[in-house]
């Protein structure tokens, strides 16, 4: 709770902007590394006098496996989800989700915090839709089917054993395969079903009447913000008691915890740092997203004028070879070591070394013919390859927006080159806090130049995970591009509201280039009579995976 409150304070107080905290996996390694890693560190510290001292360098490395390498007889004989544990247990991915939930916590809102400026209701569900789409792409890379929505029917087939333990040694609560809720919990299941029925009723009615008599028209595109807040039951929503706290109660029910217990034994699903590890998380939020998609079905399809950009034609796009691989990453987990005095903290340095999915940097070149001079926005998505013209209606929810950027057009031919390291929504790995601290000290002493913006943003998706793993013989995928007129308010370019070197712009209202709906143009039902316009382009690609570690492995 202390760590949670400190993060909220630092991230939301204007006078604390620019303070760089250690990455959450350095503060609390217990939530990111399996118990065997923690045990190995404490065991070595107890029996090896040399272990842990900073001067020993790479001697202080402990290898951290994912769940998959554990004996199948004990952990994986029922289930195949652990095939993608390298993705669901990725510390960068889980950190991203934790920080997002800190940036937009359901308990903060109102004019004081200004989260409504960022369209928090729409952003919240678009972020979850993106997580689900990216998760499904990884499943496709491993020849697994797409995730299906959770069905509130017991016994529940999907179990989960996290192999994590809290700092006091108590393991995270597990969920058995063919999980059954007790008789007392069935009334709570009735509550969840009743709340969901109310939400569906509101969608079908097309309006919502608030307690003060205000009528909200849910058939207007801008009502997505109201509906998003209502479904999230955050402080900026209205009448949360009417539709209930469906997210929180669903997580509790699937964790096997009593709603009013004085002692709660949290599972991975109840912690933001570990939620993405549990496969039932994706099933649950696929069910929630069905409500969101149902709401969107009643909105009008985009017209040809809303899709087309007169005078702009994307002629072709050429990509470098797309290659993924696994590499090793070291994280400082010194907080696992018991310290008698904080004065000696920087004398110790212990690293957890883990394999992670990564991709080689790539660029693409886009050629555009334009009769238009001025600014425009380019959106870029990656998604599965489909063969039939109308299949996009089904596959559009699996497309992930990976980039969005501003370009200047001149009349005639325009060529744009974009590198994957510059993508708008993604960030590079965090620098270890001990290294960052030492660089600051060297900078203060004039021994090294310190770049103010070298502390990586916490609010971006890991750049390493832009591409799914792919196949050794090449996995067919598609990139989708659309160019739209630049219609944002002029103050965006001035960046008067926040300093990008020290802030992510949360609550500034200036995080987006324009005011188009998130996920445009895939967020509504597609009318194929006129959908494919010349300012769009689908590019077929292959994603190759090379396991260099396996090739170099000796036995």
Protein backbone atom coordinates (compact mmCIF):
# COMPACT_ATOMS: atom_id res chain seq x y z
CA UNK A 1 0.00 0.00 0.00
CA UNK A 2 2.87 2.37 0.80
CA UNK A 3 4.45 1.83 -2.62
CA UNK A 4 1.05 2.36 -4.28
CA UNK A 5 0.48 5.67 -2.46
CA UNK A 6 4.00 6.94 -3.13
CA UNK A 7 3.59 6.29 -6.86
CA UNK A 8 0.24 8.07 -6.96
CA UNK A 9 1.71 11.04 -5.09
CA UNK A 10 4.78 11.42 -7.28
CA UNK A 11 2.88 10.90 -10.51
CA UNK A 12 -0.03 13.25 -9.81
CA UNK A 13 1.36 16.15 -7.77
CA UNK A 14 2.42 18.98 -10.12
CA UNK A 15 5.30 19.98 -7.85
CA UNK A 16 6.79 16.48 -8.02
CA UNK A 17 6.89 16.17 -11.81
CA UNK A 18 10.34 15.11 -12.99
CA UNK A 19 11.16 12.92 -10.01
CA UNK A 20 12.40 9.59 -11.34
CA UNK A 21 11.59 6.58 -9.22
CA UNK A 22 13.19 3.16 -9.68
CA UNK A 23 11.32 0.81 -11.98
CA UNK A 24 8.63 -1.06 -10.10
CA UNK A 25 10.37 -4.39 -10.75
CA UNK A 26 13.45 -3.00 -8.94
CA UNK A 27 11.40 -1.76 -6.01
CA UNK A 28 9.43 -4.96 -5.58
CA UNK A 29 11.11 -7.88 -7.40
CA UNK A 30 8.77 -10.32 -5.64
CA UNK A 31 5.96 -9.34 -8.04
CA UNK A 32 8.04 -9.98 -11.17
CA UNK A 33 10.34 -12.92 -10.50
CA UNK A 34 9.40 -16.43 -9.51
CA UNK A 35 10.13 -17.70 -6.03
CA UNK A 36 13.10 -19.81 -7.12
CA UNK A 37 14.94 -16.62 -8.14
CA UNK A 38 14.32 -14.97 -4.77
CA UNK A 39 15.35 -18.14 -2.98
CA UNK A 40 18.56 -18.44 -5.02
CA UNK A 41 19.55 -14.88 -4.15
CA UNK A 42 18.94 -15.24 -0.43
CA UNK A 43 20.66 -18.65 -0.38
CA UNK A 44 23.77 -17.34 -2.12
CA UNK A 45 23.93 -14.31 0.17
CA UNK A 46 23.72 -16.58 3.19
CA UNK A 47 26.40 -19.08 2.15
CA UNK A 48 28.67 -17.15 -0.25
CA UNK A 49 30.55 -14.23 1.39
CA UNK A 50 31.53 -12.75 -2.00
CA UNK A 51 28.01 -12.68 -3.40
CA UNK A 52 26.26 -9.33 -3.62
CA UNK A 53 29.13 -6.86 -3.36
CA UNK A 54 29.06 -4.32 -6.16
CA UNK A 55 32.71 -4.83 -7.07
CA UNK A 56 32.06 -8.43 -8.06
CA UNK A 57 30.21 -7.29 -11.18
CA UNK A 58 28.60 -10.05 -13.22
CA UNK A 59 29.42 -12.57 -10.51
CA UNK A 60 26.22 -11.36 -8.86
CA UNK A 61 23.90 -12.70 -11.56
CA UNK A 62 21.03 -15.10 -10.97
CA UNK A 63 19.23 -16.56 -13.99
CA UNK A 64 15.46 -16.13 -13.95
CA UNK A 65 13.32 -18.60 -15.88
CA UNK A 66 9.72 -18.17 -16.94
CA UNK A 67 7.08 -20.63 -15.85
CA UNK A 68 7.39 -22.72 -19.03
CA UNK A 69 10.76 -24.37 -18.25
CA UNK A 70 9.42 -25.91 -15.04
CA UNK A 71 8.66 -29.67 -15.15
CA UNK A 72 5.48 -30.21 -17.11
CA UNK A 73 4.44 -33.08 -14.86
CA UNK A 74 3.94 -30.63 -12.01
CA UNK A 75 2.72 -27.42 -13.56
CA UNK A 76 1.76 -27.64 -17.22
CA UNK A 77 0.20 -31.02 -17.89
CA UNK A 78 -3.32 -29.56 -17.98
CA UNK A 79 -2.78 -26.40 -19.91
CA UNK A 80 -0.82 -24.89 -22.80
CA UNK A 81 -0.97 -21.21 -21.75
CA UNK A 82 2.59 -21.36 -20.47
CA UNK A 83 3.80 -21.59 -24.07
CA UNK A 84 3.60 -17.79 -24.08
CA UNK A 85 4.79 -17.20 -20.51
CA UNK A 86 7.77 -15.34 -22.03
CA UNK A 87 5.22 -12.72 -23.07
CA UNK A 88 2.68 -12.68 -20.23
CA UNK A 89 5.45 -12.67 -17.59
CA UNK A 90 7.59 -10.05 -19.33
CA UNK A 91 8.59 -7.49 -16.70
CA UNK A 92 8.33 -4.61 -19.19
CA UNK A 93 4.78 -5.54 -20.19
CA UNK A 94 3.62 -5.97 -16.60
CA UNK A 95 5.30 -2.71 -15.59
CA UNK A 96 3.49 -0.92 -18.41
CA UNK A 97 0.13 -2.10 -17.10
CA UNK A 98 0.98 -1.14 -13.53
CA UNK A 99 2.03 2.38 -14.53
CA UNK A 100 -1.04 2.88 -16.68
CA UNK A 101 -3.26 1.99 -13.73
CA UNK A 102 -1.25 4.47 -11.65
CA UNK A 103 -1.64 7.19 -14.28
CA UNK A 104 -5.43 6.69 -14.42
CA UNK A 105 -6.49 5.21 -11.06
CA UNK A 106 -10.21 4.75 -10.61
CA UNK A 107 -10.09 6.56 -7.24
CA UNK A 108 -8.73 9.88 -8.59
CA UNK A 109 -10.61 12.33 -10.76
CA UNK A 110 -12.44 15.61 -10.89
CA UNK A 111 -11.13 19.04 -11.85
CA UNK A 112 -8.24 18.80 -9.40
CA UNK A 113 -6.54 15.95 -11.24
CA UNK A 114 -7.80 16.71 -14.75
CA UNK A 115 -7.75 13.13 -16.02
CA UNK A 116 -10.91 13.82 -18.03
CA UNK A 117 -8.80 16.01 -20.32
CA UNK A 118 -7.11 12.84 -21.57
CA UNK A 119 -10.44 11.17 -22.44
CA UNK A 120 -9.76 8.69 -19.68
CA UNK A 121 -12.92 6.64 -20.19
CA UNK A 122 -12.21 6.03 -23.86
CA UNK A 123 -8.47 5.58 -23.25
CA UNK A 124 -9.00 2.99 -20.51
CA UNK A 125 -10.91 0.57 -22.71
CA UNK A 126 -8.84 1.27 -25.81
CA UNK A 127 -5.72 0.35 -23.83
CA UNK A 128 -7.32 -2.95 -22.80
CA UNK A 129 -8.43 -3.61 -26.37
CA UNK A 130 -4.83 -3.04 -27.47
CA UNK A 131 -3.54 -5.42 -24.79
CA UNK A 132 -5.99 -8.09 -25.91
CA UNK A 133 -5.13 -7.64 -29.58
CA UNK A 134 -1.40 -7.85 -28.90
CA UNK A 135 -1.93 -10.92 -26.69
CA UNK A 136 -3.86 -12.63 -29.48
CA UNK A 137 -1.11 -11.90 -32.00
CA UNK A 138 1.33 -13.66 -29.68
CA UNK A 139 -1.03 -16.62 -29.41
CA UNK A 140 -1.16 -16.80 -33.20
CA UNK A 141 2.64 -16.87 -33.26
CA UNK A 142 2.50 -20.02 -31.14
CA UNK A 143 -0.27 -21.72 -33.16
CA UNK A 144 -2.81 -21.10 -30.41
CA UNK A 145 -6.36 -19.94 -31.02
CA UNK A 146 -7.58 -16.48 -30.11
CA UNK A 147 -8.82 -15.99 -26.57
CA UNK A 148 -12.54 -16.49 -25.98
CA UNK A 149 -14.67 -14.36 -23.64
CA UNK A 150 -15.11 -15.67 -20.12
CA UNK A 151 -18.33 -17.56 -19.54
CA UNK A 152 -19.69 -17.37 -16.00
CA UNK A 153 -20.13 -21.10 -15.81
CA UNK A 154 -18.50 -23.31 -13.21
CA UNK A 155 -16.38 -25.34 -12.92
CA UNK A 156 -13.99 -22.92 -14.62
CA UNK A 157 -11.41 -24.79 -16.67
CA UNK A 158 -8.70 -22.13 -16.52
CA UNK A 159 -6.50 -22.52 -13.46
CA UNK A 160 -3.39 -20.58 -12.60
CA UNK A 161 -0.35 -21.14 -10.37
CA UNK A 162 1.85 -18.06 -10.49
CA UNK A 163 4.98 -19.42 -8.73
CA UNK A 164 5.30 -15.98 -7.11
CA UNK A 165 5.60 -15.29 -3.39
CA UNK A 166 5.17 -12.14 -1.34
CA UNK A 167 8.08 -10.63 0.59
CA UNK A 168 7.05 -12.54 3.73
CA UNK A 169 7.27 -15.88 1.93
CA UNK A 170 3.52 -16.43 1.50
CA UNK A 171 2.83 -17.65 -2.06
CA UNK A 172 0.33 -15.84 -4.27
CA UNK A 173 -3.08 -17.43 -4.03
CA UNK A 174 -3.63 -19.90 -6.83
CA UNK A 175 -6.74 -20.97 -8.72
CA UNK A 176 -7.22 -24.66 -9.32
CA UNK A 177 -8.09 -26.11 -12.68
CA UNK A 178 -11.85 -26.72 -12.92
CA UNK A 179 -12.26 -24.05 -10.26
CA UNK A 180 -15.53 -23.95 -8.31
CA UNK A 181 -16.85 -21.06 -6.23
CA UNK A 182 -18.40 -21.83 -2.89
CA UNK A 183 -22.14 -21.61 -2.31
CA UNK A 184 -21.92 -18.24 -0.56
CA UNK A 185 -20.19 -16.67 -3.56
CA UNK A 186 -22.99 -17.50 -5.99
CA UNK A 187 -25.00 -14.52 -4.76
CA UNK A 188 -22.05 -12.32 -5.73
CA UNK A 189 -22.07 -13.92 -9.15
CA UNK A 190 -25.73 -12.90 -9.37
CA UNK A 191 -24.69 -9.31 -8.63
CA UNK A 192 -22.15 -9.34 -11.45
CA UNK A 193 -24.66 -10.77 -13.92
CA UNK A 194 -27.26 -8.20 -12.84
CA UNK A 195 -24.82 -5.32 -13.34
CA UNK A 196 -23.88 -6.63 -16.76
CA UNK A 197 -27.56 -6.92 -17.70
CA UNK A 198 -28.08 -3.29 -16.63
CA UNK A 199 -25.20 -2.15 -18.82
CA UNK A 200 -26.59 -4.06 -21.81
CA UNK A 201 -30.00 -2.55 -21.14
CA UNK A 202 -28.52 0.95 -21.14
CA UNK A 203 -26.78 0.28 -24.45
CA UNK A 204 -29.92 -1.06 -26.10
CA UNK A 205 -32.06 1.80 -24.80
CA UNK A 206 -29.62 4.28 -26.33
CA UNK A 207 -29.69 6.71 -23.45
CA UNK A 208 -29.00 7.02 -19.75
CA UNK A 209 -30.81 9.26 -17.30
CA UNK A 210 -28.63 10.45 -14.44
CA UNK A 211 -29.83 11.09 -10.90
CA UNK A 212 -30.26 14.81 -11.61
CA UNK A 213 -32.47 14.05 -14.62
CA UNK A 214 -29.85 14.75 -17.27
CA UNK A 215 -30.35 12.54 -20.33
CA UNK A 216 -27.19 11.15 -21.96
CA UNK A 217 -27.61 10.19 -25.61
CA UNK A 218 -25.53 7.05 -26.20
CA UNK A 219 -25.98 7.17 -29.96
CA UNK A 220 -23.54 10.06 -30.29
CA UNK A 221 -19.84 9.29 -30.97
CA UNK A 222 -18.71 11.55 -28.12
CA UNK A 223 -20.73 9.49 -25.63
CA UNK A 224 -17.92 6.90 -25.67
CA UNK A 225 -16.23 8.89 -22.91
CA UNK A 226 -19.31 8.73 -20.70
CA UNK A 227 -19.80 5.03 -21.36
CA UNK A 228 -16.12 4.25 -20.75
CA UNK A 229 -16.19 5.95 -17.35
CA UNK A 230 -19.48 4.25 -16.48
CA UNK A 231 -18.11 0.80 -17.30
CA UNK A 232 -14.87 1.52 -15.42
CA UNK A 233 -16.80 2.91 -12.40
CA UNK A 234 -14.14 5.56 -11.82
CA UNK A 235 -14.53 8.82 -9.94
CA UNK A 236 -15.27 10.74 -13.14
CA UNK A 237 -18.10 8.35 -13.97
CA UNK A 238 -21.64 8.82 -12.75
CA UNK A 239 -23.95 6.65 -10.69
CA UNK A 240 -21.38 3.90 -10.18
CA UNK A 241 -23.65 2.31 -7.61
CA UNK A 242 -26.26 1.70 -10.30
CA UNK A 243 -24.05 -0.43 -12.55
CA UNK A 244 -21.78 -1.63 -9.75
CA UNK A 245 -18.05 -2.20 -9.55
CA UNK A 246 -18.10 -5.02 -12.03
CA UNK A 247 -14.34 -5.10 -12.65
CA UNK A 248 -13.28 -5.27 -9.01
CA UNK A 249 -15.89 -7.81 -8.01
CA UNK A 250 -15.14 -10.03 -10.99
CA UNK A 251 -11.46 -10.10 -10.10
CA UNK A 252 -12.28 -10.94 -6.50
CA UNK A 253 -14.63 -13.74 -7.46
CA UNK A 254 -12.09 -15.31 -9.82
CA UNK A 255 -9.44 -15.04 -7.10
CA UNK A 256 -11.50 -16.97 -4.57
CA UNK A 257 -11.46 -14.17 -1.99
CA UNK A 258 -14.29 -13.13 0.27
CA UNK A 259 -15.62 -9.67 -0.52
CA UNK A 260 -15.79 -8.59 3.14
CA UNK A 261 -12.92 -10.58 4.64
CA UNK A 262 -10.68 -8.95 7.22
CA UNK A 263 -7.75 -10.97 5.94
CA UNK A 264 -7.39 -11.14 2.16
CA UNK A 265 -4.99 -13.51 0.42
CA UNK A 266 -4.43 -11.78 -2.93
CA UNK A 267 -3.89 -13.67 -6.14
CA UNK A 268 -2.03 -12.47 -9.22
CA UNK A 269 -5.32 -11.18 -10.65
CA UNK A 270 -5.73 -8.77 -7.72
CA UNK A 271 -2.41 -6.98 -8.26
CA UNK A 272 -1.85 -4.61 -11.17
CA UNK A 273 1.80 -5.70 -11.34
CA UNK A 274 0.84 -9.34 -11.92
CA UNK A 275 -2.62 -9.28 -13.56
CA UNK A 276 -1.31 -9.94 -17.06
CA UNK A 277 0.27 -13.21 -15.94
CA UNK A 278 -3.10 -14.86 -15.32
CA UNK A 279 -4.70 -16.22 -18.53
CA UNK A 280 -8.18 -15.65 -17.12
CA UNK A 281 -7.45 -11.90 -17.13
CA UNK A 282 -7.66 -11.92 -20.92
CA UNK A 283 -10.84 -13.99 -20.91
CA UNK A 284 -12.44 -11.64 -18.38
CA UNK A 285 -11.53 -8.48 -20.26
CA UNK A 286 -12.59 -10.02 -23.55
CA UNK A 287 -16.01 -10.30 -21.92
CA UNK A 288 -15.86 -6.66 -20.81
CA UNK A 289 -14.75 -5.63 -24.29
CA UNK A 290 -17.80 -7.38 -25.72
CA UNK A 291 -19.86 -4.78 -23.86
CA UNK A 292 -17.69 -2.04 -25.33
CA UNK A 293 -17.99 -3.48 -28.85
CA UNK A 294 -21.75 -3.80 -28.33
CA UNK A 295 -21.91 -0.10 -27.50
CA UNK A 296 -19.86 0.72 -30.61
CA UNK A 297 -22.16 -1.34 -32.85
CA UNK A 298 -24.91 1.23 -32.39
CA UNK A 299 -22.72 4.12 -33.53
CA UNK A 300 -22.96 5.01 -37.23
CA UNK A 301 -20.27 3.66 -39.55
CA UNK A 302 -17.74 6.18 -40.77
CA UNK A 303 -18.87 7.95 -43.91
CA UNK A 304 -16.72 8.21 -47.01
CA UNK A 305 -15.98 11.85 -46.13
CA UNK A 306 -14.78 10.79 -42.67
CA UNK A 307 -12.47 8.17 -44.18
CA UNK A 308 -11.19 9.74 -47.38
CA UNK A 309 -8.49 12.39 -47.71
CA UNK A 310 -9.00 14.02 -51.09
CA UNK A 311 -5.86 14.39 -53.14
CA UNK A 312 -3.72 12.04 -51.00
CA UNK A 313 -2.77 8.60 -52.33
CA UNK A 314 -0.43 6.12 -50.64
CA UNK A 315 1.43 4.57 -53.57
CA UNK A 316 3.54 1.95 -51.81
CA UNK A 317 5.31 1.01 -48.57
CA UNK A 318 8.58 -0.93 -48.35
CA UNK A 319 9.80 -2.61 -45.15
CA UNK A 320 13.14 -3.89 -43.96
CA UNK A 321 13.21 -7.57 -43.03
CA UNK A 322 11.29 -8.05 -39.78
CA UNK A 323 13.24 -10.25 -37.39
CA UNK A 324 12.57 -11.18 -33.76
CA UNK A 325 14.83 -13.01 -31.33
CA UNK A 326 15.41 -13.58 -27.62
CA UNK A 327 18.09 -11.73 -25.71
CA UNK A 328 19.14 -11.44 -22.08
CA UNK A 329 18.23 -8.54 -19.83
CA UNK A 330 19.67 -7.78 -16.39
CA UNK A 331 17.50 -6.12 -13.76
CA UNK A 332 18.78 -4.90 -10.40
CA UNK A 333 16.96 -6.90 -7.72
CA UNK A 334 19.13 -5.83 -4.79
CA UNK A 335 16.01 -5.04 -2.77
CA UNK A 336 15.67 -8.77 -2.19
CA UNK A 337 18.77 -8.70 0.01
CA UNK A 338 18.15 -7.96 3.69
CA UNK A 339 19.98 -4.77 4.68
CA UNK A 340 20.92 -3.83 8.23
CA UNK A 341 21.68 -0.27 7.18
CA UNK A 342 20.56 1.76 4.18
CA UNK A 343 23.98 3.45 4.15
CA UNK A 344 25.40 0.34 2.50
CA UNK A 345 22.67 -0.05 -0.11
CA UNK A 346 24.86 1.00 -3.05
CA UNK A 347 27.62 -1.37 -1.91
CA UNK A 348 25.46 -4.26 -3.07
CA UNK A 349 24.22 -5.08 -6.53
CA UNK A 350 22.42 -8.27 -7.52
CA UNK A 351 21.05 -8.89 -11.01
CA UNK A 352 18.30 -11.16 -12.27
CA UNK A 353 19.07 -12.20 -15.85
CA UNK A 354 16.12 -13.17 -18.00
CA UNK A 355 15.44 -14.00 -21.64
CA UNK A 356 13.12 -11.54 -23.34
CA UNK A 357 11.48 -11.23 -26.71
CA UNK A 358 13.04 -8.49 -28.81
CA UNK A 359 13.19 -7.43 -32.45
CA UNK A 360 15.86 -5.96 -34.63
CA UNK A 361 15.27 -2.27 -35.37
CA UNK A 362 13.56 -1.80 -38.71
CA UNK A 363 12.55 1.03 -40.97
CA UNK A 364 9.96 1.46 -43.66
CA UNK A 365 9.65 3.86 -46.57
CA UNK A 366 6.27 5.21 -47.60
CA UNK A 367 5.70 7.01 -50.91
CA UNK A 368 2.69 9.31 -51.10
CA UNK A 369 1.34 11.40 -53.97
CA UNK A 370 -0.42 14.52 -52.78
CA UNK A 371 -2.29 17.44 -54.25
CA UNK A 372 -2.38 18.85 -50.74
CA UNK A 373 0.22 20.97 -48.95
CA UNK A 374 0.18 21.07 -45.19
CA UNK A 375 0.19 18.85 -42.14
CA UNK A 376 -1.34 15.40 -41.83
CA UNK A 377 -1.42 12.49 -39.39
CA UNK A 378 -0.19 8.98 -40.23
CA UNK A 379 -1.58 6.05 -38.26
CA UNK A 380 0.03 2.64 -38.39
CA UNK A 381 -1.42 -0.70 -37.24
CA UNK A 382 -0.13 -4.27 -37.27
CA UNK A 383 -2.50 -7.21 -37.46
CA UNK A 384 -3.13 -10.69 -38.83
CA UNK A 385 -3.15 -11.48 -42.52
CA UNK A 386 -6.62 -12.14 -43.91
CA UNK A 387 -7.54 -13.31 -47.38
CA UNK A 388 -11.14 -12.37 -48.04
CA UNK A 389 -12.34 -8.83 -48.59
CA UNK A 390 -14.94 -8.86 -45.82
CA UNK A 391 -12.83 -10.66 -43.19
CA UNK A 392 -11.62 -7.30 -41.89
CA UNK A 393 -14.94 -6.93 -40.06
CA UNK A 394 -13.87 -9.80 -37.81
CA UNK A 395 -10.10 -9.27 -37.74
CA UNK A 396 -10.11 -5.52 -37.08
CA UNK A 397 -10.19 -6.03 -33.30
CA UNK A 398 -6.84 -7.84 -33.57
CA UNK A 399 -5.06 -4.86 -35.14
CA UNK A 400 -2.70 -3.03 -32.79
CA UNK A 401 -1.92 0.64 -33.28
CA UNK A 402 1.87 0.91 -33.03
CA UNK A 403 2.54 4.42 -34.30
CA UNK A 404 1.00 7.81 -34.97
CA UNK A 405 2.94 10.80 -36.18
CA UNK A 406 2.71 14.23 -37.78
CA UNK A 407 4.04 14.84 -41.31
CA UNK A 408 4.34 17.84 -43.62
CA UNK A 409 3.07 17.36 -47.16
CA UNK A 410 4.13 19.20 -50.28
CA UNK A 411 2.30 18.98 -53.58
CA UNK A 412 3.63 16.08 -55.61
CA UNK A 413 5.58 13.05 -54.46
CA UNK A 414 6.40 12.73 -50.76
CA UNK A 415 8.68 10.08 -49.27
CA UNK A 416 8.67 9.36 -45.55
CA UNK A 417 11.15 7.09 -43.76
CA UNK A 418 10.27 5.96 -40.26
CA UNK A 419 12.35 3.89 -37.83
CA UNK A 420 10.81 1.56 -35.27
CA UNK A 421 12.78 3.26 -32.48
CA UNK A 422 10.79 6.44 -33.13
CA UNK A 423 7.30 4.97 -32.82
CA UNK A 424 5.00 7.20 -30.81
CA UNK A 425 3.41 4.69 -28.44
CA UNK A 426 6.51 2.71 -27.43
CA UNK A 427 9.52 3.34 -25.21
CA UNK A 428 12.91 1.74 -24.71
CA UNK A 429 14.04 -0.15 -21.62
CA UNK A 430 14.51 1.62 -18.32
CA UNK A 431 18.03 2.37 -17.12
CA UNK A 432 18.83 0.61 -13.85
CA UNK A 433 18.36 3.01 -10.97
CA UNK A 434 21.84 2.39 -9.56
CA UNK A 435 23.37 3.27 -12.94
CA UNK A 436 21.14 6.33 -13.22
CA UNK A 437 22.15 7.49 -9.74
CA UNK A 438 25.85 7.10 -10.51
CA UNK A 439 25.50 9.03 -13.78
CA UNK A 440 23.77 11.85 -11.90
CA UNK A 441 26.58 11.96 -9.32
CA UNK A 442 29.18 12.03 -12.09
CA UNK A 443 27.24 14.81 -13.78
CA UNK A 444 27.07 16.85 -10.58
CA UNK A 445 30.83 16.45 -10.14
CA UNK A 446 31.45 17.47 -13.74
CA UNK A 447 32.93 14.12 -14.69
CA UNK A 448 30.24 13.20 -17.21
CA UNK A 449 27.56 15.02 -19.16
CA UNK A 450 24.10 14.01 -17.98
CA UNK A 451 21.20 14.16 -20.45
CA UNK A 452 18.05 15.37 -18.73
CA UNK A 453 15.75 13.19 -20.82
CA UNK A 454 17.73 9.96 -20.47
CA UNK A 455 15.29 8.66 -17.84
CA UNK A 456 12.93 6.65 -20.00
CA UNK A 457 9.22 7.35 -19.91
CA UNK A 458 7.18 4.97 -17.81
CA UNK A 459 4.01 5.40 -19.82
CA UNK A 460 4.86 3.70 -23.10
CA UNK A 461 4.46 0.18 -24.39
CA UNK A 462 7.77 -1.74 -24.50
CA UNK A 463 9.44 -1.18 -27.85
CA UNK A 464 10.72 -4.78 -27.75
CA UNK A 465 7.18 -6.15 -27.97
CA UNK A 466 5.92 -4.21 -30.98
CA UNK A 467 6.16 -7.34 -33.12
CA UNK A 468 4.83 -10.78 -32.22
CA UNK A 469 7.41 -13.57 -32.13
CA UNK A 470 6.63 -14.81 -35.62
CA UNK A 471 7.81 -18.07 -37.15
CA UNK A 472 11.20 -19.31 -38.28
CA UNK A 473 9.87 -19.68 -41.83
CA UNK A 474 8.06 -16.34 -41.68
CA UNK A 475 4.66 -15.52 -40.20
CA UNK A 476 2.34 -13.65 -42.60
CA UNK A 477 1.07 -10.39 -41.10
CA UNK A 478 -0.22 -7.05 -42.32
CA UNK A 479 0.55 -3.44 -41.61
CA UNK A 480 -2.21 -0.94 -42.18
CA UNK A 481 -1.67 2.77 -42.82
CA UNK A 482 -4.13 5.64 -43.02
CA UNK A 483 -3.39 9.33 -43.54
CA UNK A 484 -5.86 11.90 -42.22
CA UNK A 485 -5.93 15.70 -42.15
CA UNK A 486 -4.35 17.36 -39.15
CA UNK A 487 -7.22 18.83 -37.16
CA UNK A 488 -5.77 19.19 -33.65
CA UNK A 489 -5.84 22.41 -31.72
CA UNK A 490 -2.88 24.67 -32.42
CA UNK A 491 -1.67 24.61 -28.80
CA UNK A 492 -0.48 21.02 -29.25
CA UNK A 493 2.61 22.05 -31.15
CA UNK A 494 3.51 24.65 -28.53
CA UNK A 495 3.53 21.99 -25.78
CA UNK A 496 2.70 24.70 -23.25
CA UNK A 497 1.09 22.32 -20.80
CA UNK A 498 3.91 19.91 -20.02
CA UNK A 499 7.61 19.34 -20.52
CA UNK A 500 8.13 16.16 -22.51
CA UNK A 501 11.57 15.60 -20.99
CA UNK A 502 10.16 15.06 -17.49
CA UNK A 503 6.49 14.19 -17.98
CA UNK A 504 4.20 11.88 -19.95
CA UNK A 505 1.56 14.58 -20.16
CA UNK A 506 -1.00 12.76 -18.02
CA UNK A 507 -3.93 15.11 -17.26
CA UNK A 508 -2.59 17.72 -19.73
CA UNK A 509 -5.15 16.95 -22.43
CA UNK A 510 -2.32 17.23 -24.97
CA UNK A 511 -1.23 13.59 -25.35
CA UNK A 512 -2.88 13.09 -28.75
CA UNK A 513 -2.28 14.64 -32.13
CA UNK A 514 -5.95 15.00 -32.99
CA UNK A 515 -9.44 14.39 -31.68
CA UNK A 516 -10.36 11.36 -33.79
CA UNK A 517 -11.71 8.37 -31.84
CA UNK A 518 -9.12 5.98 -30.47
CA UNK A 519 -8.70 3.01 -32.75
CA UNK A 520 -10.03 4.92 -35.77
CA UNK A 521 -11.04 3.64 -38.28
CA UNK A 522 -11.37 0.11 -36.82
CA UNK A 523 -13.46 1.12 -33.81
CA UNK A 524 -16.85 0.98 -35.57
CA UNK A 525 -18.73 -1.35 -37.87
CA UNK A 526 -17.19 -1.15 -41.35
CA UNK A 527 -19.32 -0.30 -44.36
CA UNK A 528 -17.49 -2.06 -47.20
CA UNK A 529 -19.37 -0.10 -49.86
CA UNK A 530 -16.81 2.67 -49.54
CA UNK A 531 -14.34 1.76 -46.75
CA UNK A 532 -11.22 1.19 -48.85
CA UNK A 533 -10.01 4.66 -49.84
CA UNK A 534 -6.77 5.77 -51.49
CA UNK A 535 -5.35 7.31 -48.34
CA UNK A 536 -5.24 3.79 -46.83
CA UNK A 537 -2.74 1.04 -47.53
CA UNK A 538 -2.42 -2.61 -46.48
CA UNK A 539 1.12 -3.99 -46.64
CA UNK A 540 1.73 -7.74 -46.48
CA UNK A 541 4.84 -8.70 -44.53
CA UNK A 542 6.50 -11.74 -42.96
CA UNK A 543 7.83 -11.77 -39.41
CA UNK A 544 10.77 -14.12 -38.96
CA UNK A 545 12.01 -15.50 -35.66
CA UNK A 546 15.54 -16.68 -35.05
CA UNK A 547 16.50 -18.38 -31.81
CA UNK A 548 20.19 -17.56 -31.76
CA UNK A 549 20.46 -18.70 -28.16
CA UNK A 550 19.30 -22.19 -29.09
CA UNK A 551 21.73 -22.35 -32.00
CA UNK A 552 24.63 -21.33 -29.77
CA UNK A 553 23.63 -23.62 -26.92
CA UNK A 554 25.97 -26.47 -26.00
CA UNK A 555 25.22 -29.49 -23.86
